[in-house]
């Protein structure tokens, strides 16, 4: 099994004239996870990755450079099998061998050990690109991979049609593609697993990569229950949804409705706050929250980091 973050995606400009935002109209805000033990989850992430404890609207959370990890307390362990649109998210490491050894010394549990995939783009090179999957206490996956930094940096998705999914994000939110290579809809394989067609978008500091669901169906065949063929909704799973921020939520919802996007939950206020949010359904039943206002934190004397 492998993770990868560097394939070309559909170019911006797809979709009907006049429908796509001229520039990026949304920003990465947060990942929202379900867990029976939010305090334990926060301790896990802050002790193993480059992020820190913070408060978001009075609730304990994790701040990771420019975005949030938020946690919803649930009574029992949420479904974790890799059959939804959200595969994993990840942090970088300048020296993967050293980072992997450090994690082993910390007692970190790995779903996939240190793996060299330097030849994924062809050639016989080795030792240039490594990855490994950390298994979280709730059985979610966090990828560590070779990078120029050790910060939170990517979200990896599955799709029945990665090209169309990439076009959807570019069309409705102006998220730019990563790279300039020509887009191909032809299947591609690496070590007998289908990794293309694929899409790669860059939303602020977060690379959103989309792989074909065929990869999951082969690599994680035991996760697919007998008779299950469709991608599962992300709602209620370990990673429940992703969230983007917009400047004007009402205008955004009106535009998206006009463009045919399904609004799953209308605009409302987050509990105990004046912060507006709504939910839409993205490609492959991914749950997307839209929040009015950019993700940020500020310091207050004696109370550490809090949402701004």
C-alpha atoms as a PDB file:
ATOM      1  CA  UNK A   1       0.000   0.000   0.000  1.00  0.00           C
ATOM      2  CA  UNK A   2       1.240   3.488  -0.626  1.00  0.00           C
ATOM      3  CA  UNK A   3       0.629   7.186  -0.309  1.00  0.00           C
ATOM      4  CA  UNK A   4       1.620   9.773  -2.852  1.00  0.00           C
ATOM      5  CA  UNK A   5       1.093  13.489  -3.307  1.00  0.00           C
ATOM      6  CA  UNK A   6       2.483  14.559  -6.665  1.00  0.00           C
ATOM      7  CA  UNK A   7       0.235  13.565  -9.564  1.00  0.00           C
ATOM      8  CA  UNK A   8      -1.275  16.035 -11.983  1.00  0.00           C
ATOM      9  CA  UNK A   9      -4.922  16.988 -11.836  1.00  0.00           C
ATOM     10  CA  UNK A  10      -7.576  18.655 -13.975  1.00  0.00           C
ATOM     11  CA  UNK A  11      -6.786  22.222 -14.874  1.00  0.00           C
ATOM     12  CA  UNK A  12      -8.821  25.053 -13.490  1.00  0.00           C
ATOM     13  CA  UNK A  13     -11.463  26.392 -15.770  1.00  0.00           C
ATOM     14  CA  UNK A  14     -13.549  23.240 -16.052  1.00  0.00           C
ATOM     15  CA  UNK A  15     -17.307  23.580 -15.795  1.00  0.00           C
ATOM     16  CA  UNK A  16     -19.828  25.992 -17.239  1.00  0.00           C
ATOM     17  CA  UNK A  17     -18.770  29.557 -18.081  1.00  0.00           C
ATOM     18  CA  UNK A  18     -19.590  32.013 -15.304  1.00  0.00           C
ATOM     19  CA  UNK A  19     -19.941  29.322 -12.643  1.00  0.00           C
ATOM     20  CA  UNK A  20     -16.362  28.901 -11.481  1.00  0.00           C
ATOM     21  CA  UNK A  21     -14.959  31.475  -9.051  1.00  0.00           C
ATOM     22  CA  UNK A  22     -12.304  33.621 -10.745  1.00  0.00           C
ATOM     23  CA  UNK A  23      -9.936  32.982  -7.844  1.00  0.00           C
ATOM     24  CA  UNK A  24      -9.803  30.562  -4.943  1.00  0.00           C
ATOM     25  CA  UNK A  25     -12.990  31.324  -3.028  1.00  0.00           C
ATOM     26  CA  UNK A  26     -12.446  29.043  -0.020  1.00  0.00           C
ATOM     27  CA  UNK A  27      -9.675  28.088   2.368  1.00  0.00           C
ATOM     28  CA  UNK A  28      -8.906  24.953   4.320  1.00  0.00           C
ATOM     29  CA  UNK A  29     -10.424  25.299   7.796  1.00  0.00           C
ATOM     30  CA  UNK A  30     -10.492  21.969   9.643  1.00  0.00           C
ATOM     31  CA  UNK A  31     -10.825  18.218   9.785  1.00  0.00           C
ATOM     32  CA  UNK A  32     -13.521  16.969  12.162  1.00  0.00           C
ATOM     33  CA  UNK A  33     -12.967  13.589  13.786  1.00  0.00           C
ATOM     34  CA  UNK A  34     -15.209  11.312  15.850  1.00  0.00           C
ATOM     35  CA  UNK A  35     -13.694   9.711  18.947  1.00  0.00           C
ATOM     36  CA  UNK A  36     -14.867   8.279  22.286  1.00  0.00           C
ATOM     37  CA  UNK A  37     -11.917  10.077  23.944  1.00  0.00           C
ATOM     38  CA  UNK A  38     -11.253  13.615  22.666  1.00  0.00           C
ATOM     39  CA  UNK A  39      -8.694  14.348  25.399  1.00  0.00           C
ATOM     40  CA  UNK A  40      -6.764  11.204  24.538  1.00  0.00           C
ATOM     41  CA  UNK A  41      -6.915  11.990  20.823  1.00  0.00           C
ATOM     42  CA  UNK A  42      -5.592  15.504  21.369  1.00  0.00           C
ATOM     43  CA  UNK A  43      -2.737  14.151  23.478  1.00  0.00           C
ATOM     44  CA  UNK A  44      -1.942  11.619  20.759  1.00  0.00           C
ATOM     45  CA  UNK A  45      -1.701  14.169  17.947  1.00  0.00           C
ATOM     46  CA  UNK A  46       0.185  16.820  19.899  1.00  0.00           C
ATOM     47  CA  UNK A  47       2.723  14.328  21.232  1.00  0.00           C
ATOM     48  CA  UNK A  48       3.549  12.782  17.846  1.00  0.00           C
ATOM     49  CA  UNK A  49       3.139  15.456  15.181  1.00  0.00           C
ATOM     50  CA  UNK A  50       3.878  19.136  14.653  1.00  0.00           C
ATOM     51  CA  UNK A  51       0.725  20.665  16.154  1.00  0.00           C
ATOM     52  CA  UNK A  52      -0.423  22.048  19.495  1.00  0.00           C
ATOM     53  CA  UNK A  53      -3.354  22.082  21.893  1.00  0.00           C
ATOM     54  CA  UNK A  54      -5.731  24.990  21.450  1.00  0.00           C
ATOM     55  CA  UNK A  55      -9.343  25.936  21.994  1.00  0.00           C
ATOM     56  CA  UNK A  56     -11.947  26.384  19.300  1.00  0.00           C
ATOM     57  CA  UNK A  57     -15.161  28.039  20.497  1.00  0.00           C
ATOM     58  CA  UNK A  58     -14.407  26.931  24.039  1.00  0.00           C
ATOM     59  CA  UNK A  59     -13.711  23.315  23.113  1.00  0.00           C
ATOM     60  CA  UNK A  60     -10.328  21.623  23.305  1.00  0.00           C
ATOM     61  CA  UNK A  61      -8.874  21.116  19.843  1.00  0.00           C
ATOM     62  CA  UNK A  62      -5.622  20.929  17.888  1.00  0.00           C
ATOM     63  CA  UNK A  63      -4.080  23.745  15.872  1.00  0.00           C
ATOM     64  CA  UNK A  64      -1.841  22.572  13.010  1.00  0.00           C
ATOM     65  CA  UNK A  65      -0.057  25.580  11.474  1.00  0.00           C
ATOM     66  CA  UNK A  66      -2.983  27.090   9.535  1.00  0.00           C
ATOM     67  CA  UNK A  67      -5.955  24.842  10.234  1.00  0.00           C
ATOM     68  CA  UNK A  68      -7.749  22.875  12.941  1.00  0.00           C
ATOM     69  CA  UNK A  69      -8.364  19.321  14.025  1.00  0.00           C
ATOM     70  CA  UNK A  70     -11.687  19.270  15.870  1.00  0.00           C
ATOM     71  CA  UNK A  71     -13.102  16.336  17.819  1.00  0.00           C
ATOM     72  CA  UNK A  72     -16.628  15.161  18.419  1.00  0.00           C
ATOM     73  CA  UNK A  73     -17.172  12.842  21.391  1.00  0.00           C
ATOM     74  CA  UNK A  74     -19.083   9.663  20.493  1.00  0.00           C
ATOM     75  CA  UNK A  75     -20.219   6.774  22.682  1.00  0.00           C
ATOM     76  CA  UNK A  76     -18.438   3.987  20.823  1.00  0.00           C
ATOM     77  CA  UNK A  77     -15.623   3.530  18.334  1.00  0.00           C
ATOM     78  CA  UNK A  78     -16.618   4.968  14.940  1.00  0.00           C
ATOM     79  CA  UNK A  79     -16.290   2.995  11.683  1.00  0.00           C
ATOM     80  CA  UNK A  80     -12.741   3.241  10.364  1.00  0.00           C
ATOM     81  CA  UNK A  81     -12.565   0.907   7.382  1.00  0.00           C
ATOM     82  CA  UNK A  82     -11.120   2.536   4.271  1.00  0.00           C
ATOM     83  CA  UNK A  83     -14.295   2.499   2.195  1.00  0.00           C
ATOM     84  CA  UNK A  84     -15.222   6.190   2.258  1.00  0.00           C
ATOM     85  CA  UNK A  85     -13.875   9.135   0.273  1.00  0.00           C
ATOM     86  CA  UNK A  86     -11.426  10.071   3.057  1.00  0.00           C
ATOM     87  CA  UNK A  87      -8.383   7.799   3.024  1.00  0.00           C
ATOM     88  CA  UNK A  88      -5.923   9.587   5.330  1.00  0.00           C
ATOM     89  CA  UNK A  89      -4.261  12.906   6.141  1.00  0.00           C
ATOM     90  CA  UNK A  90      -0.633  13.567   6.818  1.00  0.00           C
ATOM     91  CA  UNK A  91       2.440  15.384   7.998  1.00  0.00           C
ATOM     92  CA  UNK A  92       5.819  15.746   6.296  1.00  0.00           C
ATOM     93  CA  UNK A  93       9.264  14.742   7.485  1.00  0.00           C
ATOM     94  CA  UNK A  94      12.577  16.050   6.175  1.00  0.00           C
ATOM     95  CA  UNK A  95      14.340  12.826   7.181  1.00  0.00           C
ATOM     96  CA  UNK A  96      11.823   9.994   7.053  1.00  0.00           C
ATOM     97  CA  UNK A  97      14.186   7.333   8.359  1.00  0.00           C
ATOM     98  CA  UNK A  98      14.958   9.427  11.436  1.00  0.00           C
ATOM     99  CA  UNK A  99      11.304  10.398  11.902  1.00  0.00           C
ATOM    100  CA  UNK A 100      10.208   6.778  11.659  1.00  0.00           C
ATOM    101  CA  UNK A 101      12.789   5.659  14.217  1.00  0.00           C
ATOM    102  CA  UNK A 102      11.690   8.419  16.583  1.00  0.00           C
ATOM    103  CA  UNK A 103       8.068   7.305  16.280  1.00  0.00           C
ATOM    104  CA  UNK A 104       9.071   3.716  17.026  1.00  0.00           C
ATOM    105  CA  UNK A 105      10.846   4.905  20.162  1.00  0.00           C
ATOM    106  CA  UNK A 106       7.645   6.739  21.160  1.00  0.00           C
ATOM    107  CA  UNK A 107       5.740   3.450  20.886  1.00  0.00           C
ATOM    108  CA  UNK A 108       3.777   4.578  17.835  1.00  0.00           C
ATOM    109  CA  UNK A 109       1.692   1.879  16.155  1.00  0.00           C
ATOM    110  CA  UNK A 110       2.115   1.680  12.398  1.00  0.00           C
ATOM    111  CA  UNK A 111      -0.513   0.410   9.969  1.00  0.00           C
ATOM    112  CA  UNK A 112       2.136   0.410   7.220  1.00  0.00           C
ATOM    113  CA  UNK A 113       5.880   0.423   8.042  1.00  0.00           C
ATOM    114  CA  UNK A 114       8.529   2.607   6.444  1.00  0.00           C
ATOM    115  CA  UNK A 115       8.314   2.041   2.684  1.00  0.00           C
ATOM    116  CA  UNK A 116      10.458   3.328  -0.170  1.00  0.00           C
ATOM    117  CA  UNK A 117       8.420   4.369  -3.231  1.00  0.00           C
ATOM    118  CA  UNK A 118      11.073   6.552  -4.875  1.00  0.00           C
ATOM    119  CA  UNK A 119      10.429   4.917  -8.264  1.00  0.00           C
ATOM    120  CA  UNK A 120       6.706   5.671  -8.344  1.00  0.00           C
ATOM    121  CA  UNK A 121       7.194   8.116 -11.219  1.00  0.00           C
ATOM    122  CA  UNK A 122       9.450   5.741 -13.105  1.00  0.00           C
ATOM    123  CA  UNK A 123      13.140   4.973 -13.095  1.00  0.00           C
ATOM    124  CA  UNK A 124      15.061   2.918 -10.592  1.00  0.00           C
ATOM    125  CA  UNK A 125      15.814   5.556  -7.985  1.00  0.00           C
ATOM    126  CA  UNK A 126      15.695   4.607  -4.331  1.00  0.00           C
ATOM    127  CA  UNK A 127      16.084   6.344  -1.002  1.00  0.00           C
ATOM    128  CA  UNK A 128      14.500   9.626  -2.127  1.00  0.00           C
ATOM    129  CA  UNK A 129      10.871   9.217  -1.070  1.00  0.00           C
ATOM    130  CA  UNK A 130       9.542   7.234   1.880  1.00  0.00           C
ATOM    131  CA  UNK A 131       6.187   6.987   3.592  1.00  0.00           C
ATOM    132  CA  UNK A 132       4.581   5.176   6.515  1.00  0.00           C
ATOM    133  CA  UNK A 133       1.058   5.098   7.937  1.00  0.00           C
ATOM    134  CA  UNK A 134       0.572   5.770  11.646  1.00  0.00           C
ATOM    135  CA  UNK A 135      -2.528   4.147  13.133  1.00  0.00           C
ATOM    136  CA  UNK A 136      -4.344   6.480  15.526  1.00  0.00           C
ATOM    137  CA  UNK A 137      -6.077   5.260  18.708  1.00  0.00           C
ATOM    138  CA  UNK A 138      -9.367   5.346  16.757  1.00  0.00           C
ATOM    139  CA  UNK A 139      -7.803   3.417  13.847  1.00  0.00           C
ATOM    140  CA  UNK A 140      -7.603   6.419  11.565  1.00  0.00           C
ATOM    141  CA  UNK A 141      -4.549   6.785   9.332  1.00  0.00           C
ATOM    142  CA  UNK A 142      -1.950   9.542   9.450  1.00  0.00           C
ATOM    143  CA  UNK A 143       0.703   9.436   6.765  1.00  0.00           C
ATOM    144  CA  UNK A 144       4.263  10.549   7.349  1.00  0.00           C
ATOM    145  CA  UNK A 145       6.130  11.128   4.103  1.00  0.00           C
ATOM    146  CA  UNK A 146       9.306  12.687   2.793  1.00  0.00           C
ATOM    147  CA  UNK A 147       8.842  16.448   2.551  1.00  0.00           C
ATOM    148  CA  UNK A 148      10.654  19.764   2.798  1.00  0.00           C
ATOM    149  CA  UNK A 149       9.058  20.345   6.229  1.00  0.00           C
ATOM    150  CA  UNK A 150       7.426  18.437   9.092  1.00  0.00           C
ATOM    151  CA  UNK A 151       4.076  20.233   9.129  1.00  0.00           C
ATOM    152  CA  UNK A 152       0.499  19.168   8.439  1.00  0.00           C
ATOM    153  CA  UNK A 153       0.364  19.160   4.686  1.00  0.00           C
ATOM    154  CA  UNK A 154      -2.025  16.843   2.884  1.00  0.00           C
ATOM    155  CA  UNK A 155      -5.391  15.141   2.665  1.00  0.00           C
ATOM    156  CA  UNK A 156      -5.717  12.003   0.538  1.00  0.00           C
ATOM    157  CA  UNK A 157      -9.120  11.058  -0.882  1.00  0.00           C
ATOM    158  CA  UNK A 158     -10.679   8.231  -2.899  1.00  0.00           C
ATOM    159  CA  UNK A 159     -13.128   8.705  -5.759  1.00  0.00           C
ATOM    160  CA  UNK A 160     -15.041   6.734  -8.363  1.00  0.00           C
ATOM    161  CA  UNK A 161     -13.862   9.408 -10.828  1.00  0.00           C
ATOM    162  CA  UNK A 162     -10.827  11.369  -9.582  1.00  0.00           C
ATOM    163  CA  UNK A 163     -10.729  13.597 -12.670  1.00  0.00           C
ATOM    164  CA  UNK A 164     -14.355  14.673 -12.216  1.00  0.00           C
ATOM    165  CA  UNK A 165     -13.850  15.109  -8.477  1.00  0.00           C
ATOM    166  CA  UNK A 166     -10.860  17.372  -9.067  1.00  0.00           C
ATOM    167  CA  UNK A 167     -12.891  19.400 -11.538  1.00  0.00           C
ATOM    168  CA  UNK A 168     -15.674  19.716  -8.941  1.00  0.00           C
ATOM    169  CA  UNK A 169     -13.367  21.305  -6.347  1.00  0.00           C
ATOM    170  CA  UNK A 170     -11.819  23.629  -8.928  1.00  0.00           C
ATOM    171  CA  UNK A 171     -15.166  24.626 -10.404  1.00  0.00           C
ATOM    172  CA  UNK A 172     -16.991  25.387  -7.167  1.00  0.00           C
ATOM    173  CA  UNK A 173     -14.151  26.740  -5.016  1.00  0.00           C
ATOM    174  CA  UNK A 174     -11.441  27.792  -7.462  1.00  0.00           C
ATOM    175  CA  UNK A 175      -8.923  25.430  -5.858  1.00  0.00           C
ATOM    176  CA  UNK A 176      -5.906  25.382  -8.192  1.00  0.00           C
ATOM    177  CA  UNK A 177      -4.399  22.207  -9.554  1.00  0.00           C
ATOM    178  CA  UNK A 178      -0.900  21.211  -8.581  1.00  0.00           C
ATOM    179  CA  UNK A 179       1.578  20.887 -11.414  1.00  0.00           C
ATOM    180  CA  UNK A 180       1.348  21.590 -15.118  1.00  0.00           C
ATOM    181  CA  UNK A 181       1.565  18.085 -16.591  1.00  0.00           C
ATOM    182  CA  UNK A 182      -1.166  17.129 -19.072  1.00  0.00           C
ATOM    183  CA  UNK A 183      -4.205  15.504 -17.523  1.00  0.00           C
ATOM    184  CA  UNK A 184      -4.780  11.846 -18.357  1.00  0.00           C
ATOM    185  CA  UNK A 185      -7.896   9.785 -17.750  1.00  0.00           C
ATOM    186  CA  UNK A 186      -6.084   6.529 -18.452  1.00  0.00           C
ATOM    187  CA  UNK A 187      -5.677   3.999 -15.624  1.00  0.00           C
ATOM    188  CA  UNK A 188      -2.173   3.850 -14.111  1.00  0.00           C
ATOM    189  CA  UNK A 189      -0.739   1.146 -11.886  1.00  0.00           C
ATOM    190  CA  UNK A 190       2.115   0.932  -9.408  1.00  0.00           C
ATOM    191  CA  UNK A 191       3.084  -2.371  -7.841  1.00  0.00           C
ATOM    192  CA  UNK A 192      -0.163  -3.846  -9.201  1.00  0.00           C
ATOM    193  CA  UNK A 193      -2.357  -1.218  -7.517  1.00  0.00           C
ATOM    194  CA  UNK A 194      -4.350   1.324  -9.539  1.00  0.00           C
ATOM    195  CA  UNK A 195      -3.203   4.847  -8.693  1.00  0.00           C
ATOM    196  CA  UNK A 196      -4.587   6.735 -11.660  1.00  0.00           C
ATOM    197  CA  UNK A 197      -6.261   8.632 -13.036  1.00  0.00           C
ATOM    198  CA  UNK A 198      -5.671  10.974 -10.138  1.00  0.00           C
ATOM    199  CA  UNK A 199      -6.046  14.597  -9.164  1.00  0.00           C
ATOM    200  CA  UNK A 200      -3.820  16.874  -7.095  1.00  0.00           C
ATOM    201  CA  UNK A 201      -5.002  20.275  -5.859  1.00  0.00           C
ATOM    202  CA  UNK A 202      -3.323  22.821  -3.599  1.00  0.00           C
ATOM    203  CA  UNK A 203      -5.579  24.569  -1.079  1.00  0.00           C
ATOM    204  CA  UNK A 204      -3.427  26.972   0.925  1.00  0.00           C
ATOM    205  CA  UNK A 205      -0.800  24.728   2.567  1.00  0.00           C
ATOM    206  CA  UNK A 206      -2.851  21.533   2.148  1.00  0.00           C
ATOM    207  CA  UNK A 207      -2.351  19.281  -0.861  1.00  0.00           C
ATOM    208  CA  UNK A 208      -5.615  17.478  -1.684  1.00  0.00           C
ATOM    209  CA  UNK A 209      -4.852  14.273  -3.597  1.00  0.00           C
ATOM    210  CA  UNK A 210      -7.554  12.084  -5.118  1.00  0.00           C
ATOM    211  CA  UNK A 211      -6.960   8.440  -6.067  1.00  0.00           C
ATOM    212  CA  UNK A 212      -9.311   5.954  -7.752  1.00  0.00           C
ATOM    213  CA  UNK A 213     -11.427   3.883  -5.370  1.00  0.00           C
ATOM    214  CA  UNK A 214     -10.180   0.808  -7.211  1.00  0.00           C
ATOM    215  CA  UNK A 215      -7.011   1.144  -5.156  1.00  0.00           C
ATOM    216  CA  UNK A 216      -8.964   0.646  -1.934  1.00  0.00           C
ATOM    217  CA  UNK A 217     -11.023  -2.203  -3.297  1.00  0.00           C
ATOM    218  CA  UNK A 218      -7.850  -4.185  -3.951  1.00  0.00           C
ATOM    219  CA  UNK A 219      -5.504  -2.980  -1.190  1.00  0.00           C
ATOM    220  CA  UNK A 220      -8.144  -3.154   1.542  1.00  0.00           C
ATOM    221  CA  UNK A 221     -10.428  -5.839   0.140  1.00  0.00           C
ATOM    222  CA  UNK A 222     -11.168  -7.137   3.641  1.00  0.00           C
ATOM    223  CA  UNK A 223     -12.670  -3.742   4.567  1.00  0.00           C
ATOM    224  CA  UNK A 224     -15.433  -4.047   2.006  1.00  0.00           C
ATOM    225  CA  UNK A 225     -18.342  -5.945   3.480  1.00  0.00           C
ATOM    226  CA  UNK A 226     -19.882  -8.689   1.412  1.00  0.00           C
ATOM    227  CA  UNK A 227     -22.045  -7.078  -1.215  1.00  0.00           C
ATOM    228  CA  UNK A 228     -20.760  -3.552  -0.573  1.00  0.00           C
ATOM    229  CA  UNK A 229     -19.801  -1.814  -3.794  1.00  0.00           C
ATOM    230  CA  UNK A 230     -20.588   1.879  -3.251  1.00  0.00           C
ATOM    231  CA  UNK A 231     -18.336   4.325  -1.418  1.00  0.00           C
ATOM    232  CA  UNK A 232     -19.655   4.940   2.097  1.00  0.00           C
ATOM    233  CA  UNK A 233     -20.625   8.391   3.342  1.00  0.00           C
ATOM    234  CA  UNK A 234     -17.985   9.959   5.589  1.00  0.00           C
ATOM    235  CA  UNK A 235     -20.652  10.965   8.126  1.00  0.00           C
ATOM    236  CA  UNK A 236     -20.138   9.176  11.448  1.00  0.00           C
ATOM    237  CA  UNK A 237     -16.750   7.726  10.522  1.00  0.00           C
ATOM    238  CA  UNK A 238     -13.351   8.378  12.144  1.00  0.00           C
ATOM    239  CA  UNK A 239     -12.910  11.446   9.930  1.00  0.00           C
ATOM    240  CA  UNK A 240     -16.467  12.715   9.746  1.00  0.00           C
ATOM    241  CA  UNK A 241     -15.932  15.639   7.414  1.00  0.00           C
ATOM    242  CA  UNK A 242     -13.630  18.299   6.073  1.00  0.00           C
ATOM    243  CA  UNK A 243     -14.311  22.026   6.356  1.00  0.00           C
ATOM    244  CA  UNK A 244     -13.581  25.020   4.163  1.00  0.00           C
ATOM    245  CA  UNK A 245     -13.901  28.663   5.181  1.00  0.00           C
ATOM    246  CA  UNK A 246     -15.530  31.332   3.032  1.00  0.00           C
ATOM    247  CA  UNK A 247     -15.859  35.085   3.449  1.00  0.00           C
ATOM    248  CA  UNK A 248     -19.621  35.271   2.961  1.00  0.00           C
ATOM    249  CA  UNK A 249     -21.500  32.061   3.699  1.00  0.00           C
ATOM    250  CA  UNK A 250     -24.911  33.217   2.482  1.00  0.00           C
ATOM    251  CA  UNK A 251     -23.539  34.277  -0.889  1.00  0.00           C
ATOM    252  CA  UNK A 252     -21.556  31.056  -1.193  1.00  0.00           C
ATOM    253  CA  UNK A 253     -24.537  28.828  -0.419  1.00  0.00           C
ATOM    254  CA  UNK A 254     -26.671  30.750  -2.910  1.00  0.00           C
ATOM    255  CA  UNK A 255     -24.024  30.336  -5.601  1.00  0.00           C
ATOM    256  CA  UNK A 256     -23.482  26.643  -4.890  1.00  0.00           C
ATOM    257  CA  UNK A 257     -27.239  25.989  -4.910  1.00  0.00           C
ATOM    258  CA  UNK A 258     -27.465  27.688  -8.296  1.00  0.00           C
ATOM    259  CA  UNK A 259     -24.606  25.466  -9.495  1.00  0.00           C
ATOM    260  CA  UNK A 260     -26.476  22.335  -8.438  1.00  0.00           C
ATOM    261  CA  UNK A 261     -24.506  21.465  -5.305  1.00  0.00           C
ATOM    262  CA  UNK A 262     -26.554  19.628  -2.672  1.00  0.00           C
ATOM    263  CA  UNK A 263     -26.907  21.541   0.608  1.00  0.00           C
ATOM    264  CA  UNK A 264     -27.109  18.893   3.333  1.00  0.00           C
ATOM    265  CA  UNK A 265     -27.697  21.289   6.239  1.00  0.00           C
ATOM    266  CA  UNK A 266     -28.677  24.958   5.859  1.00  0.00           C
ATOM    267  CA  UNK A 267     -26.898  27.890   7.445  1.00  0.00           C
ATOM    268  CA  UNK A 268     -27.039  27.962  11.230  1.00  0.00           C
ATOM    269  CA  UNK A 269     -24.933  29.129  14.155  1.00  0.00           C
ATOM    270  CA  UNK A 270     -22.438  26.814  15.769  1.00  0.00           C
ATOM    271  CA  UNK A 271     -23.620  25.956  19.302  1.00  0.00           C
ATOM    272  CA  UNK A 272     -22.832  28.687  21.795  1.00  0.00           C
ATOM    273  CA  UNK A 273     -21.363  31.059  19.218  1.00  0.00           C
ATOM    274  CA  UNK A 274     -22.087  33.535  16.473  1.00  0.00           C
ATOM    275  CA  UNK A 275     -20.090  31.572  13.939  1.00  0.00           C
ATOM    276  CA  UNK A 276     -22.124  30.639  10.852  1.00  0.00           C
ATOM    277  CA  UNK A 277     -21.762  27.258   9.182  1.00  0.00           C
ATOM    278  CA  UNK A 278     -23.542  24.921   6.779  1.00  0.00           C
ATOM    279  CA  UNK A 279     -22.952  21.500   5.220  1.00  0.00           C
ATOM    280  CA  UNK A 280     -22.831  20.461   1.589  1.00  0.00           C
ATOM    281  CA  UNK A 281     -22.299  17.087  -0.065  1.00  0.00           C
ATOM    282  CA  UNK A 282     -19.158  16.775  -2.119  1.00  0.00           C
ATOM    283  CA  UNK A 283     -18.088  14.105  -4.595  1.00  0.00           C
ATOM    284  CA  UNK A 284     -18.330  10.475  -3.464  1.00  0.00           C
ATOM    285  CA  UNK A 285     -20.506  11.304  -0.446  1.00  0.00           C
ATOM    286  CA  UNK A 286     -17.838  13.342   1.296  1.00  0.00           C
ATOM    287  CA  UNK A 287     -19.326  15.628   3.930  1.00  0.00           C
ATOM    288  CA  UNK A 288     -18.060  19.215   3.632  1.00  0.00           C
ATOM    289  CA  UNK A 289     -18.698  21.919   6.200  1.00  0.00           C
ATOM    290  CA  UNK A 290     -18.527  25.556   5.161  1.00  0.00           C
ATOM    291  CA  UNK A 291     -17.586  28.054   7.873  1.00  0.00           C
ATOM    292  CA  UNK A 292     -17.765  31.824   7.597  1.00  0.00           C
ATOM    293  CA  UNK A 293     -14.346  33.272   8.380  1.00  0.00           C
ATOM    294  CA  UNK A 294     -10.755  32.087   8.072  1.00  0.00           C
ATOM    295  CA  UNK A 295      -9.161  29.662  10.517  1.00  0.00           C
ATOM    296  CA  UNK A 296      -6.838  31.417  12.965  1.00  0.00           C
ATOM    297  CA  UNK A 297      -5.765  31.561  16.588  1.00  0.00           C
ATOM    298  CA  UNK A 298      -4.705  34.284  18.997  1.00  0.00           C
ATOM    299  CA  UNK A 299      -2.998  34.271  22.365  1.00  0.00           C
ATOM    300  CA  UNK A 300      -4.594  35.482  25.559  1.00  0.00           C
ATOM    301  CA  UNK A 301      -2.676  36.053  28.753  1.00  0.00           C
ATOM    302  CA  UNK A 302      -2.630  32.907  30.834  1.00  0.00           C
ATOM    303  CA  UNK A 303      -4.972  30.873  28.644  1.00  0.00           C
ATOM    304  CA  UNK A 304      -2.794  29.850  25.687  1.00  0.00           C
ATOM    305  CA  UNK A 305      -4.137  29.487  22.169  1.00  0.00           C
ATOM    306  CA  UNK A 306      -7.791  30.082  21.425  1.00  0.00           C
ATOM    307  CA  UNK A 307      -9.817  30.450  18.249  1.00  0.00           C
ATOM    308  CA  UNK A 308      -9.802  33.926  16.804  1.00  0.00           C
END
